[in-house]
N, C-alpha and C. Protein backbone atom coordinates (compact mmCIF):
# COMPACT_ATOMS: atom_id res chain seq x y z
N MET A 1 -15.33 -21.97 -4.80
CA MET A 1 -14.17 -21.64 -4.02
C MET A 1 -13.61 -20.28 -4.41
N LYS A 2 -13.47 -20.04 -5.70
CA LYS A 2 -12.95 -18.78 -6.18
C LYS A 2 -13.88 -17.62 -5.80
N LYS A 3 -15.15 -17.88 -5.87
CA LYS A 3 -16.15 -16.87 -5.54
C LYS A 3 -16.04 -16.48 -4.06
N GLU A 4 -15.79 -17.45 -3.19
CA GLU A 4 -15.64 -17.18 -1.76
C GLU A 4 -14.40 -16.35 -1.49
N LYS A 5 -13.29 -16.64 -2.18
CA LYS A 5 -12.06 -15.86 -2.01
C LYS A 5 -12.27 -14.41 -2.44
N THR A 6 -12.96 -14.24 -3.55
CA THR A 6 -13.24 -12.89 -4.05
C THR A 6 -14.12 -12.14 -3.06
N LYS A 7 -15.11 -12.82 -2.55
CA LYS A 7 -16.02 -12.22 -1.57
C LYS A 7 -15.25 -11.82 -0.30
N GLN A 8 -14.37 -12.67 0.16
CA GLN A 8 -13.57 -12.40 1.36
C GLN A 8 -12.62 -11.22 1.12
N LEU A 9 -12.01 -11.19 -0.07
CA LEU A 9 -11.11 -10.09 -0.42
C LEU A 9 -11.87 -8.76 -0.42
N LEU A 10 -13.04 -8.74 -1.04
CA LEU A 10 -13.86 -7.52 -1.06
C LEU A 10 -14.26 -7.10 0.36
N LYS A 11 -14.57 -8.06 1.19
CA LYS A 11 -14.94 -7.77 2.57
C LYS A 11 -13.77 -7.15 3.33
N ASN A 12 -12.57 -7.62 3.06
CA ASN A 12 -11.38 -7.08 3.71
C ASN A 12 -11.01 -5.69 3.19
N ILE A 13 -11.20 -5.45 1.92
CA ILE A 13 -10.85 -4.17 1.31
C ILE A 13 -11.89 -3.09 1.60
N TYR A 14 -13.11 -3.45 1.77
CA TYR A 14 -14.24 -2.52 1.94
C TYR A 14 -13.97 -1.41 2.98
N PRO A 15 -13.50 -1.71 4.20
CA PRO A 15 -13.25 -0.63 5.17
C PRO A 15 -12.21 0.38 4.68
N TYR A 16 -11.19 -0.10 3.99
CA TYR A 16 -10.15 0.81 3.48
C TYR A 16 -10.71 1.73 2.39
N VAL A 17 -11.54 1.19 1.54
CA VAL A 17 -12.17 2.00 0.49
C VAL A 17 -13.03 3.09 1.12
N ILE A 18 -13.78 2.75 2.15
CA ILE A 18 -14.61 3.73 2.85
C ILE A 18 -13.75 4.83 3.46
N VAL A 19 -12.66 4.46 4.12
CA VAL A 19 -11.76 5.44 4.74
C VAL A 19 -11.18 6.37 3.67
N VAL A 20 -10.73 5.82 2.56
CA VAL A 20 -10.16 6.63 1.48
C VAL A 20 -11.22 7.59 0.93
N LEU A 21 -12.42 7.13 0.73
CA LEU A 21 -13.50 8.00 0.24
C LEU A 21 -13.81 9.13 1.22
N ILE A 22 -13.83 8.82 2.50
CA ILE A 22 -14.09 9.85 3.52
C ILE A 22 -12.98 10.90 3.51
N VAL A 23 -11.75 10.45 3.42
CA VAL A 23 -10.61 11.39 3.39
C VAL A 23 -10.69 12.27 2.15
N ILE A 24 -11.00 11.70 1.01
CA ILE A 24 -11.13 12.48 -0.23
C ILE A 24 -12.25 13.51 -0.10
N LEU A 25 -13.37 13.11 0.43
CA LEU A 25 -14.49 14.04 0.59
C LEU A 25 -14.16 15.16 1.58
N LEU A 26 -13.54 14.79 2.72
CA LEU A 26 -13.13 15.81 3.70
C LEU A 26 -12.18 16.81 3.07
N ARG A 27 -11.18 16.30 2.39
CA ARG A 27 -10.17 17.19 1.80
C ARG A 27 -10.75 18.04 0.67
N SER A 28 -11.66 17.52 -0.10
CA SER A 28 -12.23 18.25 -1.22
C SER A 28 -13.21 19.33 -0.79
N PHE A 29 -13.98 19.06 0.25
CA PHE A 29 -15.10 19.94 0.56
C PHE A 29 -15.04 20.60 1.94
N ILE A 30 -14.23 20.11 2.85
CA ILE A 30 -14.30 20.63 4.21
C ILE A 30 -12.96 21.20 4.68
N ILE A 31 -11.95 20.37 4.82
CA ILE A 31 -10.66 20.82 5.36
C ILE A 31 -9.54 20.28 4.49
N THR A 32 -8.57 21.15 4.21
CA THR A 32 -7.40 20.73 3.45
C THR A 32 -6.17 21.47 3.96
N PRO A 33 -5.01 20.85 3.92
CA PRO A 33 -3.81 21.57 4.35
C PRO A 33 -3.36 22.56 3.29
N ALA A 34 -2.67 23.61 3.73
CA ALA A 34 -2.07 24.59 2.82
C ALA A 34 -0.74 25.03 3.43
N ILE A 35 0.18 25.43 2.59
CA ILE A 35 1.50 25.85 3.04
C ILE A 35 1.63 27.35 2.90
N VAL A 36 2.11 28.00 3.96
CA VAL A 36 2.37 29.44 3.93
C VAL A 36 3.60 29.66 3.06
N ASP A 37 3.46 30.56 2.09
CA ASP A 37 4.55 30.85 1.17
C ASP A 37 4.96 32.31 1.34
N GLY A 38 6.04 32.54 2.04
CA GLY A 38 6.53 33.90 2.23
C GLY A 38 6.35 34.38 3.66
N SER A 39 6.72 35.65 3.87
CA SER A 39 6.74 36.20 5.22
C SER A 39 5.66 37.25 5.47
N SER A 40 4.68 37.36 4.59
CA SER A 40 3.70 38.45 4.71
C SER A 40 2.78 38.33 5.92
N MET A 41 2.70 37.15 6.55
CA MET A 41 1.84 36.99 7.72
C MET A 41 2.61 36.89 9.03
N GLU A 42 3.93 37.15 8.99
CA GLU A 42 4.72 37.12 10.22
C GLU A 42 4.32 38.29 11.11
N PRO A 43 4.25 38.13 12.40
CA PRO A 43 4.71 37.00 13.19
C PRO A 43 3.65 35.92 13.40
N THR A 44 2.43 36.10 12.91
CA THR A 44 1.36 35.13 13.15
C THR A 44 1.66 33.79 12.50
N LEU A 45 2.01 33.82 11.22
CA LEU A 45 2.36 32.61 10.47
C LEU A 45 3.67 32.86 9.74
N SER A 46 4.52 31.85 9.69
CA SER A 46 5.82 31.98 9.05
C SER A 46 5.90 31.16 7.77
N ASN A 47 6.87 31.49 6.95
CA ASN A 47 7.12 30.76 5.71
C ASN A 47 7.24 29.26 6.01
N LYS A 48 6.59 28.45 5.19
CA LYS A 48 6.60 26.98 5.27
C LYS A 48 5.74 26.40 6.39
N ASN A 49 5.07 27.24 7.17
CA ASN A 49 4.10 26.69 8.13
C ASN A 49 3.02 25.97 7.33
N ILE A 50 2.49 24.90 7.90
CA ILE A 50 1.36 24.21 7.27
C ILE A 50 0.14 24.49 8.13
N ILE A 51 -0.89 24.97 7.47
CA ILE A 51 -2.13 25.34 8.17
C ILE A 51 -3.28 24.48 7.63
N LEU A 52 -4.39 24.48 8.36
CA LEU A 52 -5.59 23.81 7.86
C LEU A 52 -6.55 24.86 7.33
N LEU A 53 -6.95 24.69 6.10
CA LEU A 53 -7.92 25.57 5.44
C LEU A 53 -9.31 24.97 5.62
N ASN A 54 -10.19 25.73 6.29
CA ASN A 54 -11.56 25.29 6.51
C ASN A 54 -12.42 25.83 5.37
N LYS A 55 -12.74 24.99 4.41
CA LYS A 55 -13.51 25.40 3.24
C LYS A 55 -15.00 25.55 3.54
N LEU A 56 -15.45 24.95 4.61
CA LEU A 56 -16.87 24.96 4.94
C LEU A 56 -17.30 26.19 5.75
N ASP A 57 -16.36 26.81 6.44
CA ASP A 57 -16.65 27.91 7.36
C ASP A 57 -17.55 28.98 6.76
N TYR A 58 -17.19 29.52 5.60
CA TYR A 58 -17.94 30.65 5.05
C TYR A 58 -19.17 30.23 4.25
N LYS A 59 -19.42 28.95 4.17
CA LYS A 59 -20.71 28.49 3.65
C LYS A 59 -21.75 28.52 4.77
N LEU A 60 -21.26 28.47 6.03
CA LEU A 60 -22.14 28.46 7.19
C LEU A 60 -22.12 29.77 7.98
N ASN A 61 -21.01 30.52 7.90
CA ASN A 61 -20.83 31.72 8.72
C ASN A 61 -20.39 32.90 7.87
N ASP A 62 -20.55 34.10 8.42
CA ASP A 62 -20.10 35.30 7.74
C ASP A 62 -18.60 35.49 7.95
N ILE A 63 -17.98 36.18 7.02
CA ILE A 63 -16.58 36.57 7.16
C ILE A 63 -16.55 37.72 8.15
N LYS A 64 -15.61 37.66 9.10
CA LYS A 64 -15.52 38.69 10.14
C LYS A 64 -14.18 39.40 10.09
N ARG A 65 -14.17 40.60 10.66
CA ARG A 65 -12.93 41.34 10.78
C ARG A 65 -11.93 40.52 11.59
N ASN A 66 -10.70 40.53 11.19
CA ASN A 66 -9.57 39.83 11.80
C ASN A 66 -9.49 38.34 11.46
N ASP A 67 -10.45 37.82 10.70
CA ASP A 67 -10.33 36.44 10.23
C ASP A 67 -9.09 36.32 9.35
N ILE A 68 -8.38 35.20 9.47
CA ILE A 68 -7.29 34.90 8.56
C ILE A 68 -7.87 33.98 7.49
N VAL A 69 -7.67 34.38 6.24
CA VAL A 69 -8.31 33.67 5.13
C VAL A 69 -7.30 33.26 4.07
N VAL A 70 -7.66 32.24 3.31
CA VAL A 70 -6.89 31.84 2.15
C VAL A 70 -7.66 32.33 0.93
N ILE A 71 -6.94 33.01 0.05
CA ILE A 71 -7.54 33.66 -1.11
C ILE A 71 -6.95 33.07 -2.38
N ASN A 72 -7.81 32.85 -3.36
CA ASN A 72 -7.35 32.46 -4.69
C ASN A 72 -7.14 33.76 -5.46
N TRP A 73 -5.87 34.14 -5.63
CA TRP A 73 -5.54 35.36 -6.35
C TRP A 73 -4.56 35.03 -7.47
N ASN A 74 -4.99 35.28 -8.70
CA ASN A 74 -4.15 34.96 -9.87
C ASN A 74 -3.68 33.51 -9.86
N ASN A 75 -4.58 32.61 -9.53
CA ASN A 75 -4.30 31.17 -9.46
C ASN A 75 -3.22 30.80 -8.44
N GLU A 76 -3.04 31.65 -7.44
CA GLU A 76 -2.16 31.38 -6.31
C GLU A 76 -2.99 31.40 -5.05
N LYS A 77 -2.57 30.64 -4.05
CA LYS A 77 -3.20 30.72 -2.73
C LYS A 77 -2.39 31.72 -1.91
N ILE A 78 -3.03 32.79 -1.45
CA ILE A 78 -2.35 33.73 -0.56
C ILE A 78 -3.14 33.80 0.74
N ILE A 79 -2.41 34.04 1.83
CA ILE A 79 -3.03 34.07 3.15
C ILE A 79 -2.94 35.48 3.69
N LYS A 80 -4.08 36.03 4.09
CA LYS A 80 -4.16 37.41 4.58
C LYS A 80 -5.17 37.50 5.72
N ARG A 81 -5.21 38.68 6.34
CA ARG A 81 -6.16 38.95 7.42
C ARG A 81 -7.20 39.95 6.92
N VAL A 82 -8.48 39.65 7.19
CA VAL A 82 -9.57 40.56 6.80
C VAL A 82 -9.58 41.74 7.78
N ILE A 83 -9.49 42.94 7.25
CA ILE A 83 -9.46 44.14 8.08
C ILE A 83 -10.74 44.94 7.96
N ALA A 84 -11.33 44.97 6.77
CA ALA A 84 -12.55 45.76 6.58
C ALA A 84 -13.56 44.99 5.74
N LEU A 85 -14.82 45.24 6.03
CA LEU A 85 -15.94 44.48 5.47
C LEU A 85 -16.76 45.33 4.49
N PRO A 86 -17.66 44.71 3.73
CA PRO A 86 -18.50 45.46 2.80
C PRO A 86 -19.24 46.60 3.51
N GLY A 87 -19.29 47.76 2.84
CA GLY A 87 -20.00 48.92 3.37
C GLY A 87 -19.15 49.81 4.24
N GLU A 88 -17.92 49.41 4.54
CA GLU A 88 -17.07 50.19 5.44
C GLU A 88 -16.05 51.03 4.67
N HIS A 89 -15.58 52.08 5.34
CA HIS A 89 -14.46 52.87 4.85
C HIS A 89 -13.27 52.54 5.74
N VAL A 90 -12.12 52.27 5.14
CA VAL A 90 -10.93 51.90 5.90
C VAL A 90 -9.83 52.93 5.67
N GLU A 91 -9.10 53.20 6.75
CA GLU A 91 -7.97 54.11 6.67
C GLU A 91 -6.96 53.75 7.75
N TYR A 92 -5.68 53.83 7.40
CA TYR A 92 -4.62 53.74 8.38
C TYR A 92 -3.99 55.12 8.47
N LYS A 93 -3.89 55.63 9.70
CA LYS A 93 -3.31 56.95 9.91
C LYS A 93 -2.45 56.88 11.16
N ASP A 94 -1.21 57.29 11.04
CA ASP A 94 -0.26 57.26 12.15
C ASP A 94 -0.20 55.87 12.80
N GLY A 95 -0.28 54.82 11.98
CA GLY A 95 -0.18 53.45 12.47
C GLY A 95 -1.44 52.89 13.09
N ASN A 96 -2.53 53.67 13.07
CA ASN A 96 -3.80 53.23 13.66
C ASN A 96 -4.82 52.90 12.57
N LEU A 97 -5.64 51.88 12.82
CA LEU A 97 -6.71 51.50 11.91
C LEU A 97 -7.96 52.28 12.26
N TYR A 98 -8.56 52.88 11.23
CA TYR A 98 -9.83 53.58 11.38
C TYR A 98 -10.85 52.93 10.44
N ILE A 99 -11.99 52.57 11.00
CA ILE A 99 -13.11 52.07 10.21
C ILE A 99 -14.24 53.06 10.37
N ASP A 100 -14.71 53.60 9.25
CA ASP A 100 -15.78 54.60 9.24
C ASP A 100 -15.46 55.76 10.18
N GLY A 101 -14.19 56.13 10.25
CA GLY A 101 -13.75 57.28 11.04
C GLY A 101 -13.47 56.99 12.51
N PHE A 102 -13.73 55.78 12.97
CA PHE A 102 -13.49 55.42 14.37
C PHE A 102 -12.29 54.50 14.48
N ILE A 103 -11.45 54.76 15.47
CA ILE A 103 -10.26 53.93 15.66
C ILE A 103 -10.67 52.53 16.12
N VAL A 104 -10.00 51.53 15.56
CA VAL A 104 -10.25 50.13 15.89
C VAL A 104 -8.96 49.55 16.44
N GLU A 105 -9.03 48.99 17.64
CA GLU A 105 -7.86 48.37 18.24
C GLU A 105 -7.61 47.01 17.60
N GLU A 106 -6.38 46.81 17.15
CA GLU A 106 -6.01 45.53 16.56
C GLU A 106 -5.32 44.71 17.65
N LYS A 107 -5.89 43.55 17.97
CA LYS A 107 -5.43 42.75 19.11
C LYS A 107 -4.52 41.61 18.68
N PHE A 108 -3.66 41.89 17.72
CA PHE A 108 -2.69 40.91 17.27
C PHE A 108 -1.43 41.66 16.89
N ASN A 109 -0.31 40.96 16.87
CA ASN A 109 0.96 41.59 16.53
C ASN A 109 1.08 41.78 15.03
N HIS A 110 1.50 42.97 14.63
CA HIS A 110 1.79 43.22 13.22
C HIS A 110 2.79 44.36 13.12
N ALA A 111 3.40 44.43 11.96
CA ALA A 111 4.37 45.50 11.72
C ALA A 111 3.65 46.84 11.60
N GLN A 112 4.40 47.91 11.75
CA GLN A 112 3.87 49.26 11.57
C GLN A 112 3.22 49.38 10.19
N THR A 113 2.08 50.04 10.12
CA THR A 113 1.36 50.20 8.87
C THR A 113 1.49 51.64 8.39
N ASN A 114 1.94 51.79 7.16
CA ASN A 114 2.02 53.13 6.58
C ASN A 114 0.63 53.70 6.37
N ASP A 115 0.54 55.03 6.32
CA ASP A 115 -0.75 55.69 6.10
C ASP A 115 -1.37 55.20 4.79
N PHE A 116 -2.68 55.01 4.82
CA PHE A 116 -3.41 54.50 3.66
C PHE A 116 -4.87 54.91 3.79
N LYS A 117 -5.50 55.26 2.66
CA LYS A 117 -6.95 55.51 2.61
C LYS A 117 -7.54 54.65 1.51
N LEU A 118 -8.75 54.21 1.72
CA LEU A 118 -9.45 53.40 0.73
C LEU A 118 -9.52 54.13 -0.62
N GLU A 119 -9.57 55.44 -0.57
CA GLU A 119 -9.63 56.24 -1.79
C GLU A 119 -8.38 56.02 -2.66
N ASN A 120 -7.27 55.59 -2.04
CA ASN A 120 -6.03 55.34 -2.79
C ASN A 120 -6.22 54.26 -3.85
N ILE A 121 -7.19 53.37 -3.64
CA ILE A 121 -7.45 52.31 -4.62
C ILE A 121 -8.80 52.53 -5.32
N GLY A 122 -9.36 53.74 -5.18
CA GLY A 122 -10.52 54.11 -5.98
C GLY A 122 -11.89 53.89 -5.38
N TYR A 123 -12.00 53.74 -4.07
CA TYR A 123 -13.30 53.51 -3.44
C TYR A 123 -13.52 54.47 -2.29
N LEU A 124 -14.80 54.81 -2.06
CA LEU A 124 -15.16 55.56 -0.85
C LEU A 124 -15.54 54.59 0.26
N THR A 125 -16.26 53.54 -0.11
CA THR A 125 -16.59 52.46 0.82
C THR A 125 -16.39 51.13 0.07
N ILE A 126 -16.30 50.08 0.83
CA ILE A 126 -16.10 48.76 0.22
C ILE A 126 -17.43 48.25 -0.30
N PRO A 127 -17.50 47.95 -1.62
CA PRO A 127 -18.75 47.44 -2.18
C PRO A 127 -19.13 46.08 -1.61
N GLY A 128 -20.39 45.70 -1.73
CA GLY A 128 -20.87 44.41 -1.26
C GLY A 128 -20.08 43.26 -1.86
N ASP A 129 -19.88 42.21 -1.08
CA ASP A 129 -19.15 41.00 -1.48
C ASP A 129 -17.68 41.25 -1.80
N LYS A 130 -17.11 42.33 -1.25
CA LYS A 130 -15.68 42.59 -1.37
C LYS A 130 -15.11 42.85 0.02
N TYR A 131 -13.82 42.55 0.17
CA TYR A 131 -13.17 42.67 1.47
C TYR A 131 -11.80 43.31 1.32
N PHE A 132 -11.37 44.01 2.37
CA PHE A 132 -10.04 44.61 2.43
C PHE A 132 -9.18 43.71 3.30
N VAL A 133 -8.10 43.18 2.75
CA VAL A 133 -7.24 42.25 3.47
C VAL A 133 -5.81 42.76 3.48
N VAL A 134 -5.08 42.43 4.54
CA VAL A 134 -3.66 42.79 4.64
C VAL A 134 -2.91 41.64 5.28
N GLY A 135 -1.59 41.66 5.08
CA GLY A 135 -0.72 40.73 5.78
C GLY A 135 -0.31 41.34 7.11
N ASP A 136 -0.01 40.51 8.09
CA ASP A 136 0.42 41.04 9.39
C ASP A 136 1.79 41.70 9.29
N ASN A 137 2.62 41.28 8.35
CA ASN A 137 3.92 41.90 8.11
C ASN A 137 3.68 43.02 7.09
N ARG A 138 3.12 44.11 7.56
CA ARG A 138 2.61 45.17 6.68
C ARG A 138 3.65 45.75 5.73
N LEU A 139 4.90 45.73 6.11
CA LEU A 139 5.94 46.31 5.25
C LEU A 139 6.37 45.35 4.14
N ASN A 140 5.96 44.09 4.23
CA ASN A 140 6.35 43.09 3.24
C ASN A 140 5.14 42.23 2.85
N SER A 141 4.08 42.89 2.39
CA SER A 141 2.86 42.16 2.07
C SER A 141 2.20 42.72 0.82
N THR A 142 1.96 41.84 -0.14
CA THR A 142 1.16 42.20 -1.30
C THR A 142 -0.29 41.92 -0.90
N ASP A 143 -1.04 42.99 -0.64
CA ASP A 143 -2.39 42.84 -0.11
C ASP A 143 -3.31 43.87 -0.75
N SER A 144 -4.45 44.15 -0.16
CA SER A 144 -5.45 45.04 -0.76
C SER A 144 -4.91 46.44 -1.03
N ARG A 145 -3.90 46.84 -0.33
CA ARG A 145 -3.30 48.15 -0.60
C ARG A 145 -2.65 48.18 -1.97
N VAL A 146 -2.28 46.98 -2.47
CA VAL A 146 -1.60 46.87 -3.76
C VAL A 146 -2.50 46.22 -4.81
N ILE A 147 -3.14 45.10 -4.46
CA ILE A 147 -3.91 44.32 -5.44
C ILE A 147 -5.40 44.67 -5.45
N GLY A 148 -5.82 45.54 -4.54
CA GLY A 148 -7.22 45.94 -4.49
C GLY A 148 -8.06 45.05 -3.60
N LEU A 149 -9.34 45.31 -3.63
CA LEU A 149 -10.29 44.56 -2.79
C LEU A 149 -10.42 43.13 -3.29
N ILE A 150 -10.79 42.24 -2.38
CA ILE A 150 -10.91 40.82 -2.69
C ILE A 150 -12.39 40.45 -2.76
N ASP A 151 -12.78 39.80 -3.85
CA ASP A 151 -14.16 39.31 -3.99
C ASP A 151 -14.40 38.13 -3.07
N LYS A 152 -15.58 38.08 -2.49
CA LYS A 152 -15.93 36.97 -1.60
C LYS A 152 -15.75 35.62 -2.29
N LYS A 153 -16.08 35.55 -3.57
CA LYS A 153 -15.97 34.28 -4.30
C LYS A 153 -14.54 33.78 -4.38
N ASN A 154 -13.56 34.67 -4.18
CA ASN A 154 -12.15 34.28 -4.22
C ASN A 154 -11.60 33.90 -2.85
N ILE A 155 -12.41 34.04 -1.81
CA ILE A 155 -12.00 33.62 -0.48
C ILE A 155 -12.34 32.14 -0.33
N MET A 156 -11.31 31.31 -0.26
CA MET A 156 -11.49 29.86 -0.27
C MET A 156 -11.93 29.33 1.08
N GLY A 157 -11.60 30.03 2.15
CA GLY A 157 -11.98 29.57 3.48
C GLY A 157 -11.13 30.24 4.54
N SER A 158 -11.33 29.80 5.77
CA SER A 158 -10.64 30.41 6.91
C SER A 158 -9.50 29.51 7.39
N VAL A 159 -8.57 30.15 8.08
CA VAL A 159 -7.44 29.45 8.70
C VAL A 159 -7.66 29.52 10.20
N SER A 160 -7.68 28.38 10.85
CA SER A 160 -7.86 28.41 12.29
C SER A 160 -6.83 27.57 13.04
N PHE A 161 -6.04 26.80 12.30
CA PHE A 161 -5.13 25.89 12.98
C PHE A 161 -3.83 25.72 12.19
N ARG A 162 -2.70 25.76 12.90
CA ARG A 162 -1.38 25.48 12.31
C ARG A 162 -0.99 24.07 12.76
N ILE A 163 -0.57 23.24 11.79
CA ILE A 163 -0.21 21.86 12.14
C ILE A 163 1.28 21.57 11.97
N PHE A 164 2.04 22.53 11.40
CA PHE A 164 3.48 22.35 11.24
C PHE A 164 4.14 23.71 11.24
N PRO A 165 5.27 23.86 11.90
CA PRO A 165 6.11 22.84 12.51
C PRO A 165 5.47 22.28 13.79
N LEU A 166 5.85 21.08 14.12
CA LEU A 166 5.22 20.37 15.23
C LEU A 166 5.33 21.11 16.56
N ASN A 167 6.43 21.85 16.78
CA ASN A 167 6.58 22.57 18.04
C ASN A 167 5.71 23.85 18.09
N LYS A 168 5.03 24.14 16.99
CA LYS A 168 4.14 25.32 16.96
C LYS A 168 2.70 24.97 16.62
N ILE A 169 2.32 23.70 16.80
CA ILE A 169 0.94 23.31 16.57
C ILE A 169 0.07 24.15 17.50
N SER A 170 -0.89 24.84 16.89
CA SER A 170 -1.73 25.72 17.71
C SER A 170 -2.90 26.26 16.90
N LYS A 171 -3.84 26.78 17.64
CA LYS A 171 -4.94 27.53 17.04
C LYS A 171 -4.37 28.86 16.56
N VAL A 172 -4.81 29.32 15.40
CA VAL A 172 -4.32 30.58 14.85
C VAL A 172 -5.34 31.66 15.15
N LYS A 173 -4.84 32.78 15.71
CA LYS A 173 -5.74 33.88 16.07
C LYS A 173 -5.44 35.11 15.25
């Protein structure tokens, strides 16, 4: 009798254990929530927004210009936009982005960007496996202009979806 009760209990608990294991695996290896801390990505993302971090994206795909990424910097998670890729020269002049001397149209809202050259941080071109990232709120962002280039190994994944606040649930571009 006791054995049957134990067997029935295990049978009832089994689906819940499976669900918990799936959630743990998803959160550990594929998707996890993260909270925006600060105003450096405004107007795209605001302080206290909750986003979904896709940890699997860059294991399957290349990092692209304009991707919004979560970076592990000094044991903090910071959220920035990729502006320049390995092998490129980046410059902001008169508020315009230049990659390898050619103007690049930025199709998202951001604050005015002060003049900047990659040489200001000691590079002629971006070395392999490094990226130049900035916040959309250019006047209030600690980014590659200040902290230098970001190693690919420190890019935790991409941001593609905001889940909070509820009235702003949307795909992030």
